[in-house]
Amino acid sequence: MSKNEKVFRCAMYLRLSKEDDSVAVASNSIINQEKMIRMYIDDHDDLVFKKKYIDDGVSGSAFDRPGFNEMMEDVDAGKIDCIIVKDLSRFGRNHYECDRYMQEVFPQKGIRFIAITDNYDSNNDTSEMDMFMIPIKNIMNDNYCRDISVKIRTQLDAKRRMGECVKNFAPYGYIKDPEDRHKLIIDEYAAFVVKEIFHMMLKGYSVNSIVDELNERGIKSPAEYKKSQNSKYTATLQRKLVAKWCATEVRNILSDMTYCGSSVQGRTTKPTFQCKKSKPVDKENWVVVNDTHDAIIPL
């Protein structure tokens, strides 16, 4: 390397999604991605490693990822000027966004981008064939993600129709069977609270009166109870530090057939695999299977 040759401060970007993890070969693991990139940096005198950014278990269909966002903040702060990935699929599987970053964002910010196994380096003279193939590869990566999404949706729908619970967390009043995570078993404490809610309703309590009674007795709301039982649970819409009982939760419990022993799933859906926001499904299209678990409130 000549004295005048620029030395690039490199960001190592590593990503593996849950979908990739279930179907990909071991070479796509975070560890092996890092090994490959470190070897590449060691073999090039104009590259110096600065920091690695990891999104493990994060889909590549969208670019709002913790590790990626942190990396772009460091780009804007002038801390790095080169990004290296194992291949284009690790960078992302949304071909519109991949093309936008590679053709607009990175050039504007003066970022050198390298995808090792795709033999792409934005700092090199790129042939017309390479310029043609890179967008094609991004489209192929996008289609791969779309195909995996369809397969997962189909598998989940089949499980729902068989009455298997495919929710991340069991409904309040139940826990997942340790021997079969697709089966619900009664959580005695929470089930007692559910029975209390129904008893108060039968005694003529209004929904708001039930809410006041639960909060006055210091009974943890469903969100707080789940957090106390499972450290991985987070209430995404919770605004207060400690969530209290509210009228919506009580109404949901009083109208939920789950407590009568029926599996009720498919109440929301995501329009496309790239859309992260769910939308409600019409009630007549919910997947309801009777007698899938023990009832807390027998019919």
C-alpha atoms as a PDB file:
ATOM      1  CA  MET A   1       0.000   0.000   0.000  1.00  0.00           C
ATOM      2  CA  SER A   2       1.345   3.408  -0.962  1.00  0.00           C
ATOM      3  CA  LYS A   3       1.618   6.218   1.567  1.00  0.00           C
ATOM      4  CA  ASN A   4      -1.109   8.169  -0.247  1.00  0.00           C
ATOM      5  CA  GLU A   5      -3.589   5.287  -0.343  1.00  0.00           C
ATOM      6  CA  LYS A   6      -6.591   5.828   1.915  1.00  0.00           C
ATOM      7  CA  VAL A   7      -7.132   3.498   4.867  1.00  0.00           C
ATOM      8  CA  PHE A   8     -10.821   2.765   5.430  1.00  0.00           C
ATOM      9  CA  ARG A   9     -12.305   2.412   8.914  1.00  0.00           C
ATOM     10  CA  CYS A  10     -14.462  -0.685   8.608  1.00  0.00           C
ATOM     11  CA  ALA A  11     -17.788  -1.612  10.100  1.00  0.00           C
ATOM     12  CA  MET A  12     -18.493  -5.333  10.178  1.00  0.00           C
ATOM     13  CA  TYR A  13     -22.241  -5.912   9.729  1.00  0.00           C
ATOM     14  CA  LEU A  14     -23.541  -9.349  10.765  1.00  0.00           C
ATOM     15  CA  ARG A  15     -27.159 -10.514  10.464  1.00  0.00           C
ATOM     16  CA  LEU A  16     -29.088 -13.732  10.874  1.00  0.00           C
ATOM     17  CA  SER A  17     -32.882 -13.959  11.034  1.00  0.00           C
ATOM     18  CA  LYS A  18     -35.007 -16.654  12.658  1.00  0.00           C
ATOM     19  CA  GLU A  19     -36.138 -17.715   9.196  1.00  0.00           C
ATOM     20  CA  ASP A  20     -32.544 -17.965   7.979  1.00  0.00           C
ATOM     21  CA  ASP A  21     -31.540 -19.880  11.096  1.00  0.00           C
ATOM     22  CA  SER A  22     -34.118 -22.581  10.417  1.00  0.00           C
ATOM     23  CA  VAL A  23     -33.089 -23.246   6.845  1.00  0.00           C
ATOM     24  CA  ALA A  24     -29.612 -21.837   6.294  1.00  0.00           C
ATOM     25  CA  VAL A  25     -26.355 -23.718   6.357  1.00  0.00           C
ATOM     26  CA  ALA A  26     -23.885 -23.213   9.185  1.00  0.00           C
ATOM     27  CA  SER A  27     -21.782 -20.862   7.063  1.00  0.00           C
ATOM     28  CA  ASN A  28     -24.407 -18.166   7.588  1.00  0.00           C
ATOM     29  CA  SER A  29     -24.019 -18.195  11.381  1.00  0.00           C
ATOM     30  CA  ILE A  30     -22.947 -14.977  13.078  1.00  0.00           C
ATOM     31  CA  ILE A  31     -19.650 -16.566  14.115  1.00  0.00           C
ATOM     32  CA  ASN A  32     -18.761 -17.682  10.597  1.00  0.00           C
ATOM     33  CA  GLN A  33     -19.787 -14.354   9.078  1.00  0.00           C
ATOM     34  CA  GLU A  34     -17.406 -12.623  11.483  1.00  0.00           C
ATOM     35  CA  LYS A  35     -14.551 -15.037  10.734  1.00  0.00           C
ATOM     36  CA  MET A  36     -14.877 -14.471   6.991  1.00  0.00           C
ATOM     37  CA  ILE A  37     -14.963 -10.677   7.303  1.00  0.00           C
ATOM     38  CA  ARG A  38     -11.982 -10.597   9.700  1.00  0.00           C
ATOM     39  CA  MET A  39      -9.951 -12.698   7.282  1.00  0.00           C
ATOM     40  CA  TYR A  40     -10.894 -10.361   4.446  1.00  0.00           C
ATOM     41  CA  ILE A  41      -9.837  -7.274   6.427  1.00  0.00           C
ATOM     42  CA  ASP A  42      -6.547  -8.932   7.429  1.00  0.00           C
ATOM     43  CA  ASP A  43      -5.796  -9.617   3.753  1.00  0.00           C
ATOM     44  CA  HIS A  44      -6.278  -5.973   2.693  1.00  0.00           C
ATOM     45  CA  ASP A  45      -3.853  -3.304   3.864  1.00  0.00           C
ATOM     46  CA  ASP A  46      -6.269  -0.482   3.092  1.00  0.00           C
ATOM     47  CA  LEU A  47      -8.846  -1.785   5.582  1.00  0.00           C
ATOM     48  CA  VAL A  48      -8.807  -1.449   9.361  1.00  0.00           C
ATOM     49  CA  PHE A  49     -11.457  -2.919  11.635  1.00  0.00           C
ATOM     50  CA  LYS A  50     -13.305  -0.468  13.886  1.00  0.00           C
ATOM     51  CA  LYS A  51     -16.524  -2.025  15.128  1.00  0.00           C
ATOM     52  CA  LYS A  52     -18.988  -4.861  14.539  1.00  0.00           C
ATOM     53  CA  TYR A  53     -22.758  -4.477  14.471  1.00  0.00           C
ATOM     54  CA  ILE A  54     -25.032  -7.476  14.970  1.00  0.00           C
ATOM     55  CA  ASP A  55     -28.706  -8.161  14.260  1.00  0.00           C
ATOM     56  CA  ASP A  56     -29.242 -11.746  15.417  1.00  0.00           C
ATOM     57  CA  GLY A  57     -32.756 -13.107  14.934  1.00  0.00           C
ATOM     58  CA  VAL A  58     -33.801 -10.054  12.900  1.00  0.00           C
ATOM     59  CA  SER A  59     -35.456 -10.262   9.482  1.00  0.00           C
ATOM     60  CA  GLY A  60     -33.743  -8.701   6.498  1.00  0.00           C
ATOM     61  CA  SER A  61     -37.047  -7.659   4.906  1.00  0.00           C
ATOM     62  CA  ALA A  62     -36.947  -4.268   6.671  1.00  0.00           C
ATOM     63  CA  PHE A  63     -34.075  -1.961   7.569  1.00  0.00           C
ATOM     64  CA  ASP A  64     -35.337  -0.745  10.942  1.00  0.00           C
ATOM     65  CA  ARG A  65     -32.974  -2.996  12.924  1.00  0.00           C
ATOM     66  CA  PRO A  66     -31.120  -2.164  16.164  1.00  0.00           C
ATOM     67  CA  GLY A  67     -27.645  -3.109  14.931  1.00  0.00           C
ATOM     68  CA  PHE A  68     -28.124  -1.517  11.523  1.00  0.00           C
ATOM     69  CA  ASN A  69     -29.483   1.705  13.049  1.00  0.00           C
ATOM     70  CA  GLU A  70     -26.518   1.920  15.414  1.00  0.00           C
ATOM     71  CA  MET A  71     -24.145   1.447  12.494  1.00  0.00           C
ATOM     72  CA  MET A  72     -25.803   4.205  10.456  1.00  0.00           C
ATOM     73  CA  GLU A  73     -25.592   6.548  13.457  1.00  0.00           C
ATOM     74  CA  ASP A  74     -21.840   5.923  13.538  1.00  0.00           C
ATOM     75  CA  VAL A  75     -21.701   6.520   9.781  1.00  0.00           C
ATOM     76  CA  ASP A  76     -23.379   9.899  10.241  1.00  0.00           C
ATOM     77  CA  ALA A  77     -21.008  10.676  13.120  1.00  0.00           C
ATOM     78  CA  GLY A  78     -18.026  10.059  10.810  1.00  0.00           C
ATOM     79  CA  LYS A  79     -16.713   7.115  12.814  1.00  0.00           C
ATOM     80  CA  ILE A  80     -16.659   4.656   9.899  1.00  0.00           C
ATOM     81  CA  ASP A  81     -16.387   4.963   6.125  1.00  0.00           C
ATOM     82  CA  CYS A  82     -16.573   1.329   4.997  1.00  0.00           C
ATOM     83  CA  ILE A  83     -19.217  -1.365   5.570  1.00  0.00           C
ATOM     84  CA  ILE A  84     -18.430  -5.033   4.971  1.00  0.00           C
ATOM     85  CA  VAL A  85     -20.922  -7.924   4.863  1.00  0.00           C
ATOM     86  CA  LYS A  86     -20.481 -11.596   4.043  1.00  0.00           C
ATOM     87  CA  ASP A  87     -22.955 -11.314   1.170  1.00  0.00           C
ATOM     88  CA  LEU A  88     -25.827  -9.166  -0.036  1.00  0.00           C
ATOM     89  CA  SER A  89     -28.457 -11.341   1.690  1.00  0.00           C
ATOM     90  CA  ARG A  90     -26.853 -10.568   5.082  1.00  0.00           C
ATOM     91  CA  PHE A  91     -27.184  -6.868   4.289  1.00  0.00           C
ATOM     92  CA  GLY A  92     -30.888  -7.204   3.509  1.00  0.00           C
ATOM     93  CA  ARG A  93     -33.632  -9.014   1.604  1.00  0.00           C
ATOM     94  CA  ASN A  94     -35.685  -6.006   0.493  1.00  0.00           C
ATOM     95  CA  HIS A  95     -34.346  -5.269  -2.975  1.00  0.00           C
ATOM     96  CA  TYR A  96     -35.792  -1.733  -3.113  1.00  0.00           C
ATOM     97  CA  GLU A  97     -34.003  -0.723   0.096  1.00  0.00           C
ATOM     98  CA  CYS A  98     -30.803  -2.615  -0.775  1.00  0.00           C
ATOM     99  CA  ASP A  99     -30.593  -0.830  -4.136  1.00  0.00           C
ATOM    100  CA  ARG A 100     -31.366   2.518  -2.511  1.00  0.00           C
ATOM    101  CA  TYR A 101     -28.569   2.179   0.039  1.00  0.00           C
ATOM    102  CA  MET A 102     -26.044   0.888  -2.482  1.00  0.00           C
ATOM    103  CA  GLN A 103     -26.845   3.344  -5.258  1.00  0.00           C
ATOM    104  CA  GLU A 104     -27.860   6.468  -3.328  1.00  0.00           C
ATOM    105  CA  VAL A 105     -27.289   6.511   0.447  1.00  0.00           C
ATOM    106  CA  PHE A 106     -23.778   5.071   0.617  1.00  0.00           C
ATOM    107  CA  PRO A 107     -22.351   7.070  -2.325  1.00  0.00           C
ATOM    108  CA  GLN A 108     -23.823  10.280  -0.880  1.00  0.00           C
ATOM    109  CA  LYS A 109     -22.267   9.562   2.536  1.00  0.00           C
ATOM    110  CA  GLY A 110     -18.926   8.506   1.054  1.00  0.00           C
ATOM    111  CA  ILE A 111     -19.244   4.937   2.301  1.00  0.00           C
ATOM    112  CA  ARG A 112     -17.364   2.100   0.670  1.00  0.00           C
ATOM    113  CA  PHE A 113     -19.540  -1.040   0.617  1.00  0.00           C
ATOM    114  CA  ILE A 114     -18.168  -4.579   0.277  1.00  0.00           C
ATOM    115  CA  ALA A 115     -20.106  -7.848  -0.086  1.00  0.00           C
ATOM    116  CA  ILE A 116     -17.414 -10.524   0.016  1.00  0.00           C
ATOM    117  CA  THR A 117     -18.922 -13.649  -1.543  1.00  0.00           C
ATOM    118  CA  ASP A 118     -20.773 -11.585  -4.167  1.00  0.00           C
ATOM    119  CA  ASN A 119     -17.376 -10.159  -5.177  1.00  0.00           C
ATOM    120  CA  TYR A 120     -18.717  -6.617  -4.887  1.00  0.00           C
ATOM    121  CA  ASP A 121     -16.638  -3.623  -3.805  1.00  0.00           C
ATOM    122  CA  SER A 122     -17.995  -0.171  -4.545  1.00  0.00           C
ATOM    123  CA  ASN A 123     -14.433   1.186  -4.534  1.00  0.00           C
ATOM    124  CA  ASN A 124     -13.489  -0.839  -7.602  1.00  0.00           C
ATOM    125  CA  ASP A 125     -14.352  -0.175 -11.207  1.00  0.00           C
ATOM    126  CA  THR A 126     -17.556  -2.107 -11.803  1.00  0.00           C
ATOM    127  CA  SER A 127     -18.282  -3.721 -15.113  1.00  0.00           C
ATOM    128  CA  GLU A 128     -21.649  -3.378 -16.854  1.00  0.00           C
ATOM    129  CA  MET A 129     -22.317  -7.053 -16.089  1.00  0.00           C
ATOM    130  CA  ASP A 130     -21.707  -6.476 -12.355  1.00  0.00           C
ATOM    131  CA  MET A 131     -24.013  -3.453 -12.379  1.00  0.00           C
ATOM    132  CA  PHE A 132     -26.672  -5.628 -13.990  1.00  0.00           C
ATOM    133  CA  MET A 133     -26.218  -8.637 -11.693  1.00  0.00           C
ATOM    134  CA  ILE A 134     -26.242  -6.846  -8.311  1.00  0.00           C
ATOM    135  CA  PRO A 135     -29.895  -5.677  -8.569  1.00  0.00           C
ATOM    136  CA  ILE A 136     -30.819  -9.171  -9.826  1.00  0.00           C
ATOM    137  CA  LYS A 137     -29.195 -10.734  -6.752  1.00  0.00           C
ATOM    138  CA  ASN A 138     -31.064  -8.297  -4.499  1.00  0.00           C
ATOM    139  CA  ILE A 139     -34.348  -9.300  -6.158  1.00  0.00           C
ATOM    140  CA  MET A 140     -33.493 -12.989  -5.654  1.00  0.00           C
ATOM    141  CA  ASN A 141     -32.783 -12.358  -1.966  1.00  0.00           C
ATOM    142  CA  ASP A 142     -36.099 -10.506  -1.670  1.00  0.00           C
ATOM    143  CA  ASN A 143     -37.962 -13.405  -3.298  1.00  0.00           C
ATOM    144  CA  TYR A 144     -36.266 -15.874  -0.948  1.00  0.00           C
ATOM    145  CA  CYS A 145     -37.603 -13.937   2.041  1.00  0.00           C
ATOM    146  CA  ARG A 146     -41.051 -13.801   0.442  1.00  0.00           C
ATOM    147  CA  ASP A 147     -41.013 -17.580  -0.156  1.00  0.00           C
ATOM    148  CA  ILE A 148     -39.975 -18.335   3.431  1.00  0.00           C
ATOM    149  CA  SER A 149     -42.720 -16.020   4.710  1.00  0.00           C
ATOM    150  CA  VAL A 150     -45.378 -17.853   2.680  1.00  0.00           C
ATOM    151  CA  LYS A 151     -44.179 -21.240   3.981  1.00  0.00           C
ATOM    152  CA  ILE A 152     -44.214 -20.047   7.607  1.00  0.00           C
ATOM    153  CA  ARG A 153     -47.691 -18.521   7.202  1.00  0.00           C
ATOM    154  CA  THR A 154     -48.977 -21.783   5.746  1.00  0.00           C
ATOM    155  CA  GLN A 155     -47.483 -23.848   8.563  1.00  0.00           C
ATOM    156  CA  LEU A 156     -48.902 -21.536  11.235  1.00  0.00           C
ATOM    157  CA  ASP A 157     -52.344 -21.540   9.632  1.00  0.00           C
ATOM    158  CA  ALA A 158     -52.350 -25.354   9.587  1.00  0.00           C
ATOM    159  CA  LYS A 159     -51.419 -25.459  13.277  1.00  0.00           C
ATOM    160  CA  ARG A 160     -54.169 -22.973  14.149  1.00  0.00           C
ATOM    161  CA  ARG A 161     -56.766 -25.084  12.360  1.00  0.00           C
ATOM    162  CA  MET A 162     -55.636 -28.112  14.370  1.00  0.00           C
ATOM    163  CA  GLY A 163     -56.185 -26.133  17.558  1.00  0.00           C
ATOM    164  CA  GLU A 164     -52.498 -25.737  18.390  1.00  0.00           C
ATOM    165  CA  CYS A 165     -51.495 -22.503  20.113  1.00  0.00           C
ATOM    166  CA  VAL A 166     -48.979 -20.641  17.935  1.00  0.00           C
ATOM    167  CA  LYS A 167     -48.983 -17.387  19.925  1.00  0.00           C
ATOM    168  CA  ASN A 168     -45.716 -16.203  21.431  1.00  0.00           C
ATOM    169  CA  PHE A 169     -47.348 -16.039  24.855  1.00  0.00           C
ATOM    170  CA  ALA A 170     -50.295 -17.885  26.354  1.00  0.00           C
ATOM    171  CA  PRO A 171     -53.487 -15.876  27.024  1.00  0.00           C
ATOM    172  CA  TYR A 172     -53.903 -14.567  30.577  1.00  0.00           C
ATOM    173  CA  GLY A 173     -55.148 -17.450  32.740  1.00  0.00           C
ATOM    174  CA  TYR A 174     -53.052 -20.049  30.952  1.00  0.00           C
ATOM    175  CA  ILE A 175     -49.431 -21.063  30.446  1.00  0.00           C
ATOM    176  CA  LYS A 176     -47.864 -23.142  27.724  1.00  0.00           C
ATOM    177  CA  ASP A 177     -47.418 -26.811  28.547  1.00  0.00           C
ATOM    178  CA  PRO A 178     -43.680 -27.399  29.223  1.00  0.00           C
ATOM    179  CA  GLU A 179     -43.963 -30.710  27.362  1.00  0.00           C
ATOM    180  CA  ASP A 180     -45.826 -29.260  24.370  1.00  0.00           C
ATOM    181  CA  ARG A 181     -45.503 -25.518  23.710  1.00  0.00           C
ATOM    182  CA  HIS A 182     -48.508 -25.629  21.359  1.00  0.00           C
ATOM    183  CA  LYS A 183     -50.841 -26.721  24.173  1.00  0.00           C
ATOM    184  CA  LEU A 184     -52.367 -24.560  26.908  1.00  0.00           C
ATOM    185  CA  ILE A 185     -52.677 -25.567  30.558  1.00  0.00           C
ATOM    186  CA  ILE A 186     -54.340 -23.592  33.339  1.00  0.00           C
ATOM    187  CA  ASP A 187     -52.316 -21.124  35.411  1.00  0.00           C
ATOM    188  CA  GLU A 188     -54.042 -21.492  38.778  1.00  0.00           C
ATOM    189  CA  TYR A 189     -53.369 -17.973  40.069  1.00  0.00           C
ATOM    190  CA  ALA A 190     -54.380 -16.116  36.908  1.00  0.00           C
ATOM    191  CA  ALA A 191     -57.323 -18.472  36.376  1.00  0.00           C
ATOM    192  CA  PHE A 192     -58.597 -17.543  39.860  1.00  0.00           C
ATOM    193  CA  VAL A 193     -58.521 -13.867  38.843  1.00  0.00           C
ATOM    194  CA  VAL A 194     -60.418 -14.661  35.628  1.00  0.00           C
ATOM    195  CA  LYS A 195     -63.098 -16.462  37.664  1.00  0.00           C
ATOM    196  CA  GLU A 196     -63.304 -13.459  40.007  1.00  0.00           C
ATOM    197  CA  ILE A 197     -63.924 -11.186  37.014  1.00  0.00           C
ATOM    198  CA  PHE A 198     -66.771 -13.371  35.774  1.00  0.00           C
ATOM    199  CA  HIS A 199     -68.248 -13.667  39.282  1.00  0.00           C
ATOM    200  CA  MET A 200     -68.242  -9.872  39.667  1.00  0.00           C
ATOM    201  CA  MET A 201     -69.906  -9.505  36.295  1.00  0.00           C
ATOM    202  CA  LEU A 202     -72.656 -11.954  37.334  1.00  0.00           C
ATOM    203  CA  LYS A 203     -73.156  -9.985  40.557  1.00  0.00           C
ATOM    204  CA  GLY A 204     -73.944  -6.916  38.487  1.00  0.00           C
ATOM    205  CA  TYR A 205     -70.603  -5.082  38.646  1.00  0.00           C
ATOM    206  CA  SER A 206     -69.970  -2.736  35.727  1.00  0.00           C
ATOM    207  CA  VAL A 207     -66.747  -3.108  33.766  1.00  0.00           C
ATOM    208  CA  ASN A 208     -65.314   0.027  35.368  1.00  0.00           C
ATOM    209  CA  SER A 209     -66.275  -1.227  38.837  1.00  0.00           C
ATOM    210  CA  ILE A 210     -64.439  -4.491  38.140  1.00  0.00           C
ATOM    211  CA  VAL A 211     -61.373  -2.524  37.023  1.00  0.00           C
ATOM    212  CA  ASP A 212     -61.440  -0.430  40.215  1.00  0.00           C
ATOM    213  CA  GLU A 213     -61.821  -3.533  42.383  1.00  0.00           C
ATOM    214  CA  LEU A 214     -58.886  -5.327  40.778  1.00  0.00           C
ATOM    215  CA  ASN A 215     -56.607  -2.287  41.062  1.00  0.00           C
ATOM    216  CA  GLU A 216     -57.640  -1.568  44.657  1.00  0.00           C
ATOM    217  CA  ARG A 217     -56.833  -5.177  45.605  1.00  0.00           C
ATOM    218  CA  GLY A 218     -53.390  -4.792  44.067  1.00  0.00           C
ATOM    219  CA  ILE A 219     -53.902  -7.610  41.570  1.00  0.00           C
ATOM    220  CA  LYS A 220     -51.326  -7.403  38.791  1.00  0.00           C
ATOM    221  CA  SER A 221     -52.675  -6.603  35.344  1.00  0.00           C
ATOM    222  CA  PRO A 222     -52.132  -9.223  32.607  1.00  0.00           C
ATOM    223  CA  ALA A 223     -49.105  -7.302  31.267  1.00  0.00           C
ATOM    224  CA  GLU A 224     -47.481  -6.978  34.705  1.00  0.00           C
ATOM    225  CA  TYR A 225     -48.251 -10.599  35.590  1.00  0.00           C
ATOM    226  CA  LYS A 226     -46.735 -11.889  32.349  1.00  0.00           C
ATOM    227  CA  LYS A 227     -43.616  -9.793  32.917  1.00  0.00           C
ATOM    228  CA  SER A 228     -43.304 -11.213  36.436  1.00  0.00           C
ATOM    229  CA  GLN A 229     -43.521 -14.750  35.062  1.00  0.00           C
ATOM    230  CA  ASN A 230     -41.501 -14.331  31.870  1.00  0.00           C
ATOM    231  CA  SER A 231     -38.579 -11.904  31.568  1.00  0.00           C
ATOM    232  CA  LYS A 232     -38.870 -11.926  27.734  1.00  0.00           C
ATOM    233  CA  TYR A 233     -42.357 -10.445  27.712  1.00  0.00           C
ATOM    234  CA  THR A 234     -42.681  -6.763  26.769  1.00  0.00           C
ATOM    235  CA  ALA A 235     -45.863  -4.720  26.434  1.00  0.00           C
ATOM    236  CA  THR A 236     -45.183  -2.675  23.288  1.00  0.00           C
ATOM    237  CA  LEU A 237     -48.103  -0.260  23.790  1.00  0.00           C
ATOM    238  CA  GLN A 238     -47.592   0.249  27.522  1.00  0.00           C
ATOM    239  CA  ARG A 239     -47.212   3.946  28.346  1.00  0.00           C
ATOM    240  CA  LYS A 240     -46.833   3.812  32.138  1.00  0.00           C
ATOM    241  CA  LEU A 241     -44.033   2.218  34.119  1.00  0.00           C
ATOM    242  CA  VAL A 242     -46.524  -0.103  35.845  1.00  0.00           C
ATOM    243  CA  ALA A 243     -49.549  -1.179  33.810  1.00  0.00           C
ATOM    244  CA  LYS A 244     -52.869  -1.149  35.692  1.00  0.00           C
ATOM    245  CA  TRP A 245     -56.053  -2.984  34.855  1.00  0.00           C
ATOM    246  CA  CYS A 246     -58.190  -1.158  32.290  1.00  0.00           C
ATOM    247  CA  ALA A 247     -61.685  -1.545  30.885  1.00  0.00           C
ATOM    248  CA  THR A 248     -60.463  -2.936  27.571  1.00  0.00           C
ATOM    249  CA  GLU A 249     -58.661  -5.835  29.269  1.00  0.00           C
ATOM    250  CA  VAL A 250     -61.696  -6.739  31.356  1.00  0.00           C
ATOM    251  CA  ARG A 251     -64.016  -6.601  28.330  1.00  0.00           C
ATOM    252  CA  ASN A 252     -61.606  -8.783  26.350  1.00  0.00           C
ATOM    253  CA  ILE A 253     -61.570 -11.409  29.106  1.00  0.00           C
ATOM    254  CA  LEU A 254     -65.376 -11.412  29.441  1.00  0.00           C
ATOM    255  CA  SER A 255     -65.820 -11.914  25.674  1.00  0.00           C
ATOM    256  CA  ASP A 256     -62.979 -14.387  25.019  1.00  0.00           C
ATOM    257  CA  MET A 257     -64.035 -17.952  24.180  1.00  0.00           C
ATOM    258  CA  THR A 258     -60.540 -19.119  25.167  1.00  0.00           C
ATOM    259  CA  TYR A 259     -61.759 -19.318  28.771  1.00  0.00           C
ATOM    260  CA  CYS A 260     -64.491 -21.756  27.680  1.00  0.00           C
ATOM    261  CA  GLY A 261     -61.907 -24.204  26.297  1.00  0.00           C
ATOM    262  CA  SER A 262     -61.846 -23.037  22.679  1.00  0.00           C
ATOM    263  CA  SER A 263     -58.790 -22.013  20.699  1.00  0.00           C
ATOM    264  CA  VAL A 264     -59.351 -18.570  19.163  1.00  0.00           C
ATOM    265  CA  GLN A 265     -56.558 -17.407  16.862  1.00  0.00           C
ATOM    266  CA  GLY A 266     -55.954 -15.427  13.674  1.00  0.00           C
ATOM    267  CA  ARG A 267     -57.535 -12.241  15.048  1.00  0.00           C
ATOM    268  CA  THR A 268     -54.877 -10.089  13.384  1.00  0.00           C
ATOM    269  CA  THR A 269     -52.739 -10.418  10.281  1.00  0.00           C
ATOM    270  CA  LYS A 270     -49.903  -8.657   8.475  1.00  0.00           C
ATOM    271  CA  PRO A 271     -50.818  -7.685   4.887  1.00  0.00           C
ATOM    272  CA  THR A 272     -47.351  -8.585   3.531  1.00  0.00           C
ATOM    273  CA  PHE A 273     -44.137 -10.103   4.860  1.00  0.00           C
ATOM    274  CA  GLN A 274     -42.516  -6.647   4.687  1.00  0.00           C
ATOM    275  CA  CYS A 275     -45.245  -4.997   6.765  1.00  0.00           C
ATOM    276  CA  LYS A 276     -44.532  -5.074  10.517  1.00  0.00           C
ATOM    277  CA  LYS A 277     -47.857  -3.589  11.614  1.00  0.00           C
ATOM    278  CA  SER A 278     -50.751  -6.001  12.121  1.00  0.00           C
ATOM    279  CA  LYS A 279     -54.341  -5.229  11.199  1.00  0.00           C
ATOM    280  CA  PRO A 280     -57.520  -6.764  12.689  1.00  0.00           C
ATOM    281  CA  VAL A 281     -59.297  -9.628  10.957  1.00  0.00           C
ATOM    282  CA  ASP A 282     -63.099  -9.749  10.713  1.00  0.00           C
ATOM    283  CA  LYS A 283     -64.530 -11.937  13.475  1.00  0.00           C
ATOM    284  CA  GLU A 284     -66.120 -14.385  11.031  1.00  0.00           C
ATOM    285  CA  ASN A 285     -62.625 -15.157   9.704  1.00  0.00           C
ATOM    286  CA  TRP A 286     -61.059 -15.985  13.067  1.00  0.00           C
ATOM    287  CA  VAL A 287     -59.814 -19.554  13.468  1.00  0.00           C
ATOM    288  CA  VAL A 288     -61.905 -21.111  16.262  1.00  0.00           C
ATOM    289  CA  VAL A 289     -61.461 -24.737  17.370  1.00  0.00           C
ATOM    290  CA  ASN A 290     -63.534 -26.048  20.289  1.00  0.00           C
ATOM    291  CA  ASP A 291     -62.373 -28.219  23.205  1.00  0.00           C
ATOM    292  CA  THR A 292     -58.626 -27.740  22.710  1.00  0.00           C
ATOM    293  CA  HIS A 293     -57.774 -27.186  26.392  1.00  0.00           C
ATOM    294  CA  ASP A 294     -59.314 -27.174  29.874  1.00  0.00           C
ATOM    295  CA  ALA A 295     -61.913 -24.466  30.390  1.00  0.00           C
ATOM    296  CA  ILE A 296     -61.614 -21.917  33.200  1.00  0.00           C
ATOM    297  CA  ILE A 297     -65.285 -20.897  32.721  1.00  0.00           C
ATOM    298  CA  PRO A 298     -67.276 -24.004  31.658  1.00  0.00           C
ATOM    299  CA  LEU A 299     -70.223 -23.381  29.353  1.00  0.00           C
END
